[in-house]
Amino acid sequence: MTGLWLGLVAQKLFVWGAASAVSLAGATLLLSVLQMLASYARKWLQMKPIPTVACAYPLVGHALLMKPNSTEFFQQLIQYTEEFRHMPLLKLWIGPVPMVVLYHAENVEVILASSKQIDKSFVYKFIQPWLGLGLLTSTGIKWRSRRKMLTPTFHFTILEDFLDVMNEQAKILVNKLEKHVNQEAFNCFFYITLCALDIICETAMGKNIGAQSNEDSKYVRAVYRMSDKIFRRMKMPWLWLDLWYLMFKEGREHKRDLKILHTFTKNVIAERVNEMKTNEESKGTDSGPVFSKKKGKAFLDLLLSVTDDEGNKLSPEDIREEVDTFMFEGHDTTASAINWSLYLLGSYPEIQKKVDNELDEVFGKSDRPVDLEDLKQLKYLDLVIKESLRIFPPVPLFARRLNEDCEVAGYKVVKGTEAVIVPYALHRDPRYFPNPEEFQPERFFPENAQGRHPYSYVPFSAGPRNCIGQKFAVMEEKTILSYILRQFWVESNQKREELGLSGELILRPNNGIWITLKRRNPDESQLCTPAVPLS
């Protein structure tokens, strides 16, 4: 009888405990939801004075107004910046997340010049499975320490060692393009991208993967699949949860590609570590150093030797993060910039002729490799690259998550807001760039740039989180363009509206860059071939 009574009491206690736990969990969840709603309402009221494009709905904000297609969304955003050019900034609500769109130099400066507002947008978390918390994705103390350690590896005297790789791969590219001379128009985008991929692989890892010769390599295909998957996932909120993402075929493919990429990088790092050990052991013998004088060291070799203020070296995982970061950031952006330069030169033959004249002055009729002195003398080509980056910035928009309240143009912007900076619109401010759609390299003559706001032109971002590899990028762009333009005359076959601009992480032409090539002829008759009008 006592046992039965104890059993009933235990059962009641269990039911009561379970009910209490459920009630507590429900109360906690309700409290969390109420706190979120209160925070949301507070932000809504605080941000209410900021100009906006249309009435936002509670909780969903402007999400229902946004175009789902990336090309259409980018065009929509650019249309907003043009329509509201007179406004200092724009507010958008994407679900419960507030965003401010910045496209005026003085307002962009508030964010980029700040030593506190250095946190990247939440969408960068989708890059972390591949890159970890490297220079691109880290923040705070880790980012500051890593940046300080890596800055010396991008010194110009070190970058000079990479010129041999750039020359070698640019020569392969030119040989690949030969078959298109005096033929029909072709899409050059992929050719340039494979060349840039070969260059970054060899300079970052000291590994020649031969992407231009073997574009079907396992690693090359994994790089492209991974980049595409990251872009797709950013646009699809229903794929943001990791466990949910892995339930889809794309999530499982993402995991497989991640293994290919990480395994490749780890194996290369292990090989280089062993080579360095062998090199150390061979000191004092006649076997000589492992690293050839011709190509110098790769970034990887420099990463293996850098130390922080306390003398600590990077761990193998730290090194993998940075090598993968160089791979991700170092080929798509540069390839995009070179492609846009070719498109614009092919559309403006009178400017291409000026580049031709400069190439003749520097190289004569020689097809010799480019050296550092040549790069310094290619001053007009440098202006062409700058103007190409203005019209078609490879990174057309990027975002920071504000980690404290700040004031922009007299408006209070609250902590947690996504500040979206749009170089594509910023670079078209007629106050600093009259007739902004026109391709005019002379804008960047020193006398023409006087008085221009320093934050009106930010192709490599600006402030403390500016692009650490911008000198490397410009060196590569100059080298490849000088090789192509010494051999060929380029003509573009598309109007601007035919490009199908898509602004994801990189500004891409959905329809490719279609050009025709002719054997280069310095004769003035080249200018008789009309370019496609850009209206």
Protein backbone atom coordinates (compact mmCIF):
# COMPACT_ATOMS: atom_id res chain seq x y z
CA MET A 1 0.00 0.00 0.00
CA THR A 2 2.81 2.36 0.94
CA GLY A 3 4.62 1.49 -2.29
CA LEU A 4 1.52 2.26 -4.34
CA TRP A 5 1.12 5.58 -2.53
CA LEU A 6 4.80 6.48 -3.15
CA GLY A 7 4.40 5.57 -6.80
CA LEU A 8 1.38 7.87 -7.17
CA VAL A 9 3.23 10.69 -5.38
CA ALA A 10 6.29 10.20 -7.61
CA GLN A 11 4.09 10.21 -10.70
CA LYS A 12 2.41 13.45 -9.61
CA LEU A 13 5.76 15.02 -8.79
CA PHE A 14 7.06 14.01 -12.23
CA VAL A 15 4.02 15.50 -13.97
CA TRP A 16 4.26 18.62 -11.83
CA GLY A 17 8.01 18.92 -12.55
CA ALA A 18 7.51 18.41 -16.26
CA ALA A 19 4.72 20.98 -16.31
CA SER A 20 6.88 23.41 -14.35
CA ALA A 21 9.79 22.87 -16.77
CA VAL A 22 7.54 23.44 -19.77
CA SER A 23 6.05 26.52 -18.10
CA LEU A 24 9.52 27.83 -17.26
CA ALA A 25 10.75 27.19 -20.81
CA GLY A 26 7.61 28.83 -22.20
CA ALA A 27 8.02 31.80 -19.88
CA THR A 28 11.71 32.13 -20.83
CA LEU A 29 10.87 31.94 -24.52
CA LEU A 30 8.06 34.45 -24.10
CA LEU A 31 10.36 36.77 -22.16
CA SER A 32 13.02 36.49 -24.91
CA VAL A 33 10.43 37.22 -27.60
CA LEU A 34 9.12 40.20 -25.62
CA GLN A 35 12.67 41.50 -25.15
CA MET A 36 13.33 41.13 -28.89
CA LEU A 37 10.09 42.91 -29.74
CA ALA A 38 10.89 45.68 -27.26
CA SER A 39 14.38 46.08 -28.76
CA TYR A 40 12.89 46.06 -32.26
CA ALA A 41 10.27 48.67 -31.32
CA ARG A 42 12.92 50.85 -29.66
CA LYS A 43 15.14 50.71 -32.77
CA TRP A 44 12.14 51.39 -35.00
CA LEU A 45 11.34 54.58 -33.08
CA GLN A 46 14.97 55.71 -32.85
CA MET A 47 15.55 55.16 -36.59
CA LYS A 48 12.19 56.63 -37.68
CA PRO A 49 13.59 60.07 -38.65
CA ILE A 50 16.04 58.56 -41.18
CA PRO A 51 14.84 58.89 -44.81
CA THR A 52 13.51 55.70 -46.36
CA VAL A 53 12.32 54.48 -49.77
CA ALA A 54 8.80 53.40 -48.79
CA CYS A 55 6.65 52.44 -45.84
CA ALA A 56 8.08 49.40 -44.04
CA TYR A 57 5.85 46.70 -42.60
CA PRO A 58 6.28 45.50 -39.00
CA LEU A 59 8.71 42.57 -38.63
CA VAL A 60 9.17 41.99 -42.40
CA GLY A 61 10.24 45.58 -43.10
CA HIS A 62 10.99 46.21 -46.79
CA ALA A 63 11.72 42.55 -47.52
CA LEU A 64 8.54 42.20 -49.61
CA LEU A 65 9.67 45.09 -51.82
CA MET A 66 13.10 43.64 -52.51
CA LYS A 67 13.69 41.82 -55.80
CA PRO A 68 14.65 38.16 -55.18
CA ASN A 69 16.96 37.92 -58.21
CA SER A 70 20.50 39.19 -57.45
CA THR A 71 20.77 41.11 -60.73
CA GLU A 72 17.39 42.78 -60.24
CA PHE A 73 18.12 43.49 -56.55
CA PHE A 74 21.42 45.22 -57.43
CA GLN A 75 19.71 47.33 -60.10
CA GLN A 76 16.94 48.16 -57.62
CA LEU A 77 19.46 49.30 -55.00
CA ILE A 78 21.34 51.45 -57.53
CA GLN A 79 18.04 52.93 -58.70
CA TYR A 80 17.26 53.91 -55.09
CA THR A 81 20.65 55.61 -54.69
CA GLU A 82 20.09 57.61 -57.88
CA GLU A 83 16.48 58.49 -57.07
CA PHE A 84 17.44 59.63 -53.56
CA ARG A 85 20.85 61.08 -54.47
CA HIS A 86 19.80 64.30 -52.71
CA MET A 87 19.27 62.41 -49.44
CA PRO A 88 22.30 61.95 -47.15
CA LEU A 89 21.49 58.27 -46.51
CA LEU A 90 18.69 55.73 -46.88
CA LYS A 91 17.09 53.37 -44.38
CA LEU A 92 15.89 49.87 -45.20
CA TRP A 93 14.48 47.20 -42.91
CA ILE A 94 15.29 43.67 -44.01
CA GLY A 95 13.05 41.71 -41.68
CA PRO A 96 13.81 42.97 -38.16
CA VAL A 97 17.32 44.11 -39.12
CA PRO A 98 17.79 47.84 -39.81
CA MET A 99 20.12 48.87 -42.64
CA VAL A 100 21.43 52.27 -43.70
CA VAL A 101 22.68 52.68 -47.26
CA LEU A 102 25.61 55.09 -47.58
CA TYR A 103 26.73 56.63 -50.90
CA HIS A 104 28.02 60.11 -49.96
CA ALA A 105 31.72 60.51 -49.17
CA GLU A 106 31.29 62.48 -45.94
CA ASN A 107 28.93 59.82 -44.54
CA VAL A 108 31.01 56.88 -45.72
CA GLU A 109 33.95 58.45 -43.89
CA VAL A 110 32.08 58.29 -40.56
CA ILE A 111 32.05 54.49 -40.74
CA LEU A 112 35.26 53.62 -42.60
CA ALA A 113 37.52 56.07 -40.76
CA SER A 114 36.35 54.80 -37.36
CA SER A 115 38.73 52.59 -35.40
CA LYS A 116 35.72 51.14 -33.56
CA GLN A 117 33.29 50.31 -36.39
CA ILE A 118 35.36 47.44 -37.78
CA ASP A 119 32.93 44.53 -37.41
CA LYS A 120 31.96 42.89 -40.69
CA SER A 121 28.34 42.23 -41.60
CA PHE A 122 26.64 39.06 -40.34
CA VAL A 123 26.57 37.64 -43.91
CA TYR A 124 30.33 37.07 -43.66
CA LYS A 125 29.57 34.16 -41.33
CA PHE A 126 28.78 32.10 -44.44
CA ILE A 127 32.41 32.49 -45.53
CA GLN A 128 33.77 31.31 -42.16
CA PRO A 129 33.45 27.54 -42.82
CA TRP A 130 36.01 28.02 -45.60
CA LEU A 131 38.17 30.89 -44.32
CA GLY A 132 37.75 30.52 -40.56
CA LEU A 133 38.50 33.71 -38.62
CA GLY A 134 41.23 35.06 -40.87
CA LEU A 135 42.00 38.64 -41.81
CA LEU A 136 38.76 39.05 -43.78
CA THR A 137 36.30 37.68 -41.21
CA SER A 138 37.91 38.31 -37.80
CA THR A 139 37.41 41.40 -35.67
CA GLY A 140 38.58 43.05 -32.45
CA ILE A 141 41.87 42.06 -30.84
CA LYS A 142 42.42 39.06 -33.13
CA TRP A 143 42.00 41.17 -36.27
CA ARG A 144 44.30 43.95 -34.98
CA SER A 145 47.02 41.46 -34.03
CA ARG A 146 46.73 39.54 -37.31
CA ARG A 147 46.76 42.72 -39.41
CA LYS A 148 49.88 43.95 -37.65
CA MET A 149 51.62 40.62 -38.22
CA LEU A 150 50.71 40.37 -41.91
CA THR A 151 51.24 43.96 -43.08
CA PRO A 152 55.03 43.50 -43.59
CA THR A 153 54.39 40.55 -45.94
CA PHE A 154 52.78 42.99 -48.41
CA HIS A 155 55.75 45.36 -48.54
CA PHE A 156 56.59 46.39 -52.10
CA THR A 157 60.08 44.88 -51.99
CA ILE A 158 58.50 41.49 -51.15
CA LEU A 159 55.80 41.88 -53.79
CA GLU A 160 58.51 42.40 -56.41
CA ASP A 161 59.43 38.73 -56.01
CA PHE A 162 56.02 37.78 -57.37
CA LEU A 163 56.52 39.53 -60.71
CA ASP A 164 58.10 36.41 -62.22
CA VAL A 165 54.95 34.40 -61.51
CA MET A 166 52.75 37.16 -62.95
CA ASN A 167 54.86 37.38 -66.11
CA GLU A 168 54.85 33.63 -66.59
CA GLN A 169 51.08 33.27 -66.21
CA ALA A 170 50.33 36.39 -68.30
CA LYS A 171 52.40 34.88 -71.13
CA ILE A 172 50.34 31.65 -70.93
CA LEU A 173 47.16 33.75 -71.07
CA VAL A 174 48.29 35.59 -74.20
CA ASN A 175 49.11 32.26 -75.88
CA LYS A 176 45.60 31.01 -74.99
CA LEU A 177 44.03 34.12 -76.52
CA GLU A 178 45.94 33.75 -79.81
CA LYS A 179 43.29 31.44 -81.27
CA HIS A 180 40.72 34.25 -81.09
CA VAL A 181 42.67 36.76 -83.20
CA ASN A 182 40.60 37.93 -86.20
CA GLN A 183 37.81 35.56 -85.16
CA GLU A 184 34.29 36.13 -83.86
CA ALA A 185 33.58 37.77 -80.51
CA PHE A 186 34.20 35.58 -77.46
CA ASN A 187 33.68 35.81 -73.69
CA CYS A 188 37.06 36.66 -72.14
CA PHE A 189 35.90 36.59 -68.51
CA PHE A 190 36.81 32.97 -67.76
CA TYR A 191 40.24 33.22 -69.44
CA ILE A 192 41.24 36.13 -67.21
CA THR A 193 39.83 34.47 -64.09
CA LEU A 194 41.84 31.27 -64.61
CA CYS A 195 45.01 33.32 -65.09
CA ALA A 196 44.34 35.21 -61.85
CA LEU A 197 43.68 31.90 -60.07
CA ASP A 198 47.02 30.50 -61.25
CA ILE A 199 48.80 33.62 -60.03
CA ILE A 200 47.22 33.65 -56.57
CA CYS A 201 47.80 29.92 -56.10
CA GLU A 202 51.49 30.16 -56.86
CA THR A 203 52.09 33.42 -54.97
CA ALA A 204 49.99 32.41 -51.94
CA MET A 205 50.99 28.75 -51.66
CA GLY A 206 53.99 28.30 -53.93
CA LYS A 207 51.93 25.69 -55.81
CA ASN A 208 51.46 25.74 -59.58
CA ILE A 209 48.00 24.24 -60.15
CA GLY A 210 47.94 24.93 -63.89
CA ALA A 211 44.34 26.19 -63.95
CA GLN A 212 44.83 27.76 -67.40
CA SER A 213 46.06 24.46 -68.81
CA ASN A 214 43.80 22.21 -66.74
CA GLU A 215 40.65 24.07 -65.81
CA ASP A 216 39.03 20.77 -64.87
CA SER A 217 41.31 20.20 -61.86
CA LYS A 218 39.60 19.06 -58.67
CA TYR A 219 40.79 22.06 -56.66
CA VAL A 220 39.83 24.65 -59.31
CA ARG A 221 36.32 23.21 -59.61
CA ALA A 222 35.95 23.19 -55.80
CA VAL A 223 36.98 26.88 -55.60
CA TYR A 224 34.31 27.89 -58.09
CA ARG A 225 31.60 25.71 -56.63
CA MET A 226 32.33 27.02 -53.14
CA SER A 227 32.23 30.67 -54.26
CA ASP A 228 28.89 30.12 -56.01
CA LYS A 229 27.40 28.30 -53.01
CA ILE A 230 28.42 31.12 -50.65
CA PHE A 231 26.75 33.73 -52.87
CA ARG A 232 23.60 31.63 -53.19
CA ARG A 233 23.32 30.99 -49.45
CA MET A 234 23.64 34.68 -48.62
CA LYS A 235 20.55 35.39 -50.72
CA MET A 236 18.44 32.58 -49.24
CA PRO A 237 17.49 33.12 -45.56
CA TRP A 238 15.91 29.66 -45.38
CA LEU A 239 19.41 28.17 -45.83
CA TRP A 240 21.06 30.22 -43.08
CA LEU A 241 20.73 27.60 -40.31
CA ASP A 242 23.67 25.18 -40.55
CA LEU A 243 21.78 22.03 -39.51
CA TRP A 244 18.95 22.83 -41.91
CA TYR A 245 21.43 23.61 -44.72
CA LEU A 246 23.09 20.20 -44.35
CA MET A 247 19.73 18.52 -44.96
CA PHE A 248 19.78 19.82 -48.54
CA LYS A 249 21.86 18.41 -51.38
CA GLU A 250 23.66 21.75 -51.73
CA GLY A 251 24.65 21.70 -48.05
CA ARG A 252 26.15 18.22 -48.39
CA GLU A 253 28.02 19.28 -51.55
CA HIS A 254 29.27 22.34 -49.65
CA LYS A 255 30.69 20.04 -46.97
CA ARG A 256 32.44 17.87 -49.60
CA ASP A 257 33.95 20.88 -51.37
CA LEU A 258 35.10 22.26 -48.04
CA LYS A 259 36.99 19.03 -47.39
CA ILE A 260 38.68 19.24 -50.82
CA LEU A 261 39.76 22.85 -50.25
CA HIS A 262 41.01 22.38 -46.69
CA THR A 263 42.79 19.12 -47.50
CA PHE A 264 44.60 20.73 -50.43
CA THR A 265 45.72 23.73 -48.36
CA LYS A 266 46.77 21.61 -45.38
CA ASN A 267 48.82 19.31 -47.62
CA VAL A 268 50.58 22.26 -49.25
CA ILE A 269 51.35 23.74 -45.81
CA ALA A 270 52.73 20.39 -44.62
CA GLU A 271 54.92 20.15 -47.74
CA ARG A 272 56.32 23.65 -47.22
CA VAL A 273 57.00 22.98 -43.53
CA ASN A 274 58.95 19.86 -44.49
CA GLU A 275 60.86 21.81 -47.15
CA MET A 276 61.78 24.49 -44.61
CA LYS A 277 63.00 21.82 -42.19
CA THR A 278 65.08 20.25 -44.95
CA ASN A 279 66.44 23.69 -45.79
CA GLU A 280 67.43 24.26 -42.17
CA GLU A 281 69.12 20.87 -42.00
CA SER A 282 71.01 21.53 -45.21
CA LYS A 283 72.64 24.71 -43.89
CA GLY A 284 76.36 24.37 -43.97
CA THR A 285 76.19 21.82 -46.80
CA ASP A 286 76.46 22.35 -50.55
CA SER A 287 72.84 21.41 -51.21
CA GLY A 288 71.76 25.07 -51.28
CA PRO A 289 68.44 26.61 -50.31
CA VAL A 290 65.11 25.04 -51.16
CA PHE A 291 63.51 28.23 -52.47
CA SER A 292 64.60 29.22 -55.95
CA LYS A 293 65.92 32.71 -56.41
CA LYS A 294 63.73 33.10 -59.48
CA LYS A 295 60.36 33.11 -57.79
CA GLY A 296 61.25 33.92 -54.20
CA LYS A 297 59.01 32.86 -51.37
CA ALA A 298 55.25 32.44 -51.40
CA PHE A 299 53.02 34.19 -48.86
CA LEU A 300 52.83 30.83 -47.14
CA ASP A 301 56.58 30.84 -46.49
CA LEU A 302 56.29 34.30 -44.95
CA LEU A 303 53.34 33.20 -42.80
CA LEU A 304 55.40 30.31 -41.46
CA SER A 305 57.99 32.74 -40.12
CA VAL A 306 56.01 35.80 -38.88
CA THR A 307 55.58 36.33 -35.13
CA ASP A 308 53.45 38.60 -32.94
CA ASP A 309 54.75 41.11 -30.38
CA GLU A 310 55.33 38.28 -27.90
CA GLY A 311 57.26 36.15 -30.37
CA ASN A 312 54.45 33.65 -30.98
CA LYS A 313 54.15 32.09 -34.43
CA LEU A 314 50.88 31.38 -36.22
CA SER A 315 49.41 27.93 -35.62
CA PRO A 316 48.86 25.57 -38.60
CA GLU A 317 45.13 26.42 -38.48
CA ASP A 318 45.89 30.17 -38.41
CA ILE A 319 48.10 29.75 -41.47
CA ARG A 320 45.44 27.75 -43.31
CA GLU A 321 42.89 30.49 -42.61
CA GLU A 322 45.11 33.18 -44.09
CA VAL A 323 46.18 31.16 -47.14
CA ASP A 324 42.55 30.34 -47.91
CA THR A 325 41.68 34.03 -47.39
CA PHE A 326 44.31 35.05 -49.95
CA MET A 327 42.86 32.48 -52.35
CA PHE A 328 39.30 33.72 -51.91
CA GLU A 329 40.04 37.45 -52.03
CA GLY A 330 42.95 37.41 -54.43
CA HIS A 331 41.61 36.01 -57.68
CA ASP A 332 37.96 37.02 -58.23
CA THR A 333 38.41 40.71 -57.45
CA THR A 334 41.54 41.10 -59.59
CA ALA A 335 40.06 39.12 -62.47
CA SER A 336 36.95 41.30 -62.35
CA ALA A 337 39.03 44.51 -62.45
CA ILE A 338 41.07 43.32 -65.47
CA ASN A 339 37.94 42.27 -67.36
CA TRP A 340 36.26 45.62 -66.78
CA SER A 341 39.40 47.45 -67.91
CA LEU A 342 39.43 45.45 -71.15
CA TYR A 343 35.73 46.13 -71.71
CA LEU A 344 36.16 49.89 -71.26
CA LEU A 345 39.31 50.09 -73.39
CA GLY A 346 37.52 48.13 -76.10
CA SER A 347 34.67 50.63 -75.95
CA TYR A 348 36.88 53.74 -76.07
CA PRO A 349 39.45 53.26 -78.87
CA GLU A 350 40.92 56.74 -78.44
CA ILE A 351 41.90 55.87 -74.85
CA GLN A 352 43.21 52.45 -75.87
CA LYS A 353 45.41 54.26 -78.42
CA LYS A 354 46.94 56.36 -75.62
CA VAL A 355 47.74 53.16 -73.73
CA ASP A 356 49.28 51.74 -76.93
CA ASN A 357 51.52 54.79 -77.26
CA GLU A 358 52.69 54.45 -73.67
CA LEU A 359 53.42 50.73 -74.14
CA ASP A 360 55.52 51.60 -77.21
CA GLU A 361 57.45 54.17 -75.19
CA VAL A 362 58.17 51.73 -72.38
CA PHE A 363 58.61 48.42 -74.25
CA GLY A 364 59.14 49.38 -77.89
CA LYS A 365 58.26 46.32 -79.99
CA SER A 366 59.56 43.92 -77.34
CA ASP A 367 57.44 41.25 -75.67
CA ARG A 368 59.92 40.94 -72.80
CA PRO A 369 58.78 40.35 -69.21
CA VAL A 370 57.57 43.29 -67.16
CA ASP A 371 59.88 44.55 -64.41
CA LEU A 372 59.31 46.92 -61.51
CA GLU A 373 60.69 49.91 -63.41
CA ASP A 374 58.23 49.27 -66.25
CA LEU A 375 55.33 49.31 -63.79
CA LYS A 376 56.45 52.71 -62.49
CA GLN A 377 56.57 54.11 -66.02
CA LEU A 378 53.10 52.87 -67.02
CA LYS A 379 51.47 55.98 -65.59
CA TYR A 380 48.61 56.33 -68.06
CA LEU A 381 47.74 52.64 -67.69
CA ASP A 382 47.61 53.32 -63.95
CA LEU A 383 45.02 56.06 -64.60
CA VAL A 384 43.03 53.67 -66.80
CA ILE A 385 42.93 51.08 -64.01
CA LYS A 386 41.85 53.69 -61.45
CA GLU A 387 39.03 54.93 -63.69
CA SER A 388 37.94 51.34 -64.44
CA LEU A 389 37.79 50.68 -60.69
CA ARG A 390 35.69 53.83 -60.31
CA ILE A 391 33.09 52.86 -62.91
CA PHE A 392 33.07 49.14 -62.16
CA PRO A 393 34.37 48.59 -58.59
CA PRO A 394 34.99 44.81 -58.20
CA VAL A 395 33.33 44.96 -54.76
CA PRO A 396 30.24 47.07 -55.54
CA LEU A 397 28.87 47.06 -51.98
CA PHE A 398 30.01 45.90 -48.56
CA ALA A 399 28.67 46.21 -45.03
CA ARG A 400 29.70 46.78 -41.45
CA ARG A 401 27.66 45.90 -38.38
CA LEU A 402 27.69 48.87 -36.01
CA ASN A 403 28.94 47.89 -32.56
CA GLU A 404 27.81 51.15 -30.97
CA ASP A 405 25.42 54.00 -31.70
CA CYS A 406 26.77 56.67 -34.01
CA GLU A 407 25.63 59.84 -35.76
CA VAL A 408 25.57 60.06 -39.56
CA ALA A 409 24.53 63.31 -41.27
CA GLY A 410 22.78 64.43 -38.07
CA TYR A 411 20.77 61.19 -37.73
CA LYS A 412 21.20 58.71 -34.90
CA VAL A 413 22.03 55.23 -36.20
CA VAL A 414 21.66 52.60 -33.50
CA LYS A 415 23.96 49.75 -32.50
CA GLY A 416 23.31 46.54 -34.46
CA THR A 417 22.45 48.37 -37.69
CA GLU A 418 23.99 47.09 -40.92
CA ALA A 419 25.79 50.03 -42.61
CA VAL A 420 25.87 49.19 -46.33
CA ILE A 421 28.49 51.16 -48.27
CA VAL A 422 27.90 51.21 -52.04
CA PRO A 423 31.09 52.14 -53.95
CA TYR A 424 29.21 51.68 -57.24
CA ALA A 425 26.94 54.61 -56.29
CA LEU A 426 29.57 56.53 -54.29
CA HIS A 427 31.87 56.64 -57.34
CA ARG A 428 29.08 58.23 -59.39
CA ASP A 429 28.64 61.32 -57.21
CA PRO A 430 28.62 64.17 -59.75
CA ARG A 431 30.06 66.56 -57.16
CA TYR A 432 33.39 64.75 -57.44
CA PHE A 433 33.04 62.97 -60.80
CA PRO A 434 31.17 65.10 -63.38
CA ASN A 435 29.59 63.01 -66.17
CA PRO A 436 30.14 59.94 -63.98
CA GLU A 437 29.23 57.35 -66.64
CA GLU A 438 31.95 58.58 -68.99
CA PHE A 439 35.31 56.77 -69.04
CA GLN A 440 37.85 59.55 -68.41
CA PRO A 441 41.18 58.35 -66.96
CA GLU A 442 42.40 61.96 -66.87
CA ARG A 443 40.18 62.47 -63.80
CA PHE A 444 43.01 60.95 -61.79
CA PHE A 445 45.75 63.35 -62.89
CA PRO A 446 46.99 64.93 -59.63
CA GLU A 447 45.84 68.39 -60.70
CA ASN A 448 42.32 67.08 -61.45
CA ALA A 449 42.06 65.19 -58.15
CA GLN A 450 42.86 68.21 -55.97
CA GLY A 451 40.10 68.97 -53.48
CA ARG A 452 38.35 65.66 -54.07
CA HIS A 453 37.04 64.09 -50.86
CA PRO A 454 39.38 61.23 -49.80
CA TYR A 455 36.38 58.94 -49.22
CA SER A 456 34.72 59.66 -52.58
CA TYR A 457 36.74 56.83 -54.17
CA VAL A 458 37.14 53.59 -52.20
CA PRO A 459 37.69 50.63 -54.59
CA PHE A 460 39.86 48.99 -51.93
CA SER A 461 37.76 50.22 -49.01
CA ALA A 462 39.49 52.78 -46.76
CA GLY A 463 40.47 53.45 -43.16
CA PRO A 464 41.89 50.82 -40.79
CA ARG A 465 40.20 47.89 -42.62
CA ASN A 466 41.29 48.84 -46.12
CA CYS A 467 42.47 46.07 -48.47
CA ILE A 468 45.89 44.85 -47.39
CA GLY A 469 46.57 43.44 -50.87
CA GLN A 470 45.83 46.49 -53.03
CA LYS A 471 49.44 46.97 -54.18
CA PHE A 472 49.59 43.31 -55.16
CA ALA A 473 46.31 43.68 -57.09
CA VAL A 474 47.41 46.76 -59.05
CA MET A 475 50.76 45.13 -59.86
CA GLU A 476 48.97 42.08 -61.24
CA GLU A 477 46.45 44.15 -63.21
CA LYS A 478 49.17 46.25 -64.82
CA THR A 479 51.25 43.21 -65.70
CA ILE A 480 48.42 41.24 -67.33
CA LEU A 481 46.95 44.23 -69.18
CA SER A 482 50.37 45.23 -70.52
CA TYR A 483 50.87 41.70 -71.88
CA ILE A 484 47.47 41.58 -73.57
CA LEU A 485 47.62 45.10 -75.01
CA ARG A 486 51.15 44.68 -76.38
CA GLN A 487 49.85 41.82 -78.51
CA PHE A 488 46.23 42.64 -79.33
CA TRP A 489 43.83 45.42 -80.22
CA VAL A 490 40.61 44.95 -78.22
CA GLU A 491 37.09 45.82 -79.36
CA SER A 492 34.02 45.48 -77.13
CA ASN A 493 30.79 44.04 -78.52
CA GLN A 494 28.28 45.04 -75.83
CA LYS A 495 26.43 48.11 -74.70
CA ARG A 496 26.31 48.75 -70.96
CA GLU A 497 22.71 47.64 -70.69
CA GLU A 498 23.63 44.31 -72.29
CA LEU A 499 26.11 43.37 -69.56
CA GLY A 500 23.57 42.25 -66.95
CA LEU A 501 25.39 43.62 -63.91
CA SER A 502 25.09 41.49 -60.80
CA GLY A 503 26.38 42.85 -57.51
CA GLU A 504 26.94 40.01 -55.05
CA LEU A 505 30.31 39.91 -53.36
CA ILE A 506 31.89 40.68 -56.74
CA LEU A 507 30.56 42.87 -59.57
CA ARG A 508 29.99 40.40 -62.39
CA PRO A 509 28.51 40.64 -65.88
CA ASN A 510 25.86 37.91 -66.03
CA ASN A 511 26.21 37.91 -69.80
CA GLY A 512 30.01 37.84 -69.79
CA ILE A 513 32.50 40.26 -71.40
CA TRP A 514 32.40 39.73 -75.17
CA ILE A 515 35.32 41.14 -77.16
CA THR A 516 37.06 40.66 -80.49
CA LEU A 517 40.85 40.65 -80.87
CA LYS A 518 42.99 41.89 -83.72
CA ARG A 519 46.72 41.70 -84.12
CA ARG A 520 48.03 44.90 -82.59
CA ASN A 521 48.79 47.55 -85.16
CA PRO A 522 50.12 50.95 -84.06
CA ASP A 523 48.81 52.50 -87.27
CA GLU A 524 46.23 55.26 -86.74
CA SER A 525 43.83 53.34 -88.98
CA GLN A 526 42.92 51.24 -85.96
CA LEU A 527 40.82 54.16 -84.76
CA CYS A 528 38.58 53.92 -87.81
CA THR A 529 36.80 50.94 -86.30
CA PRO A 530 33.89 52.41 -84.33
CA ALA A 531 33.28 51.17 -80.80
CA VAL A 532 29.90 50.06 -79.58
CA PRO A 533 28.09 53.09 -78.10
CA LEU A 534 27.61 52.90 -74.34
CA SER A 535 24.27 54.66 -74.07
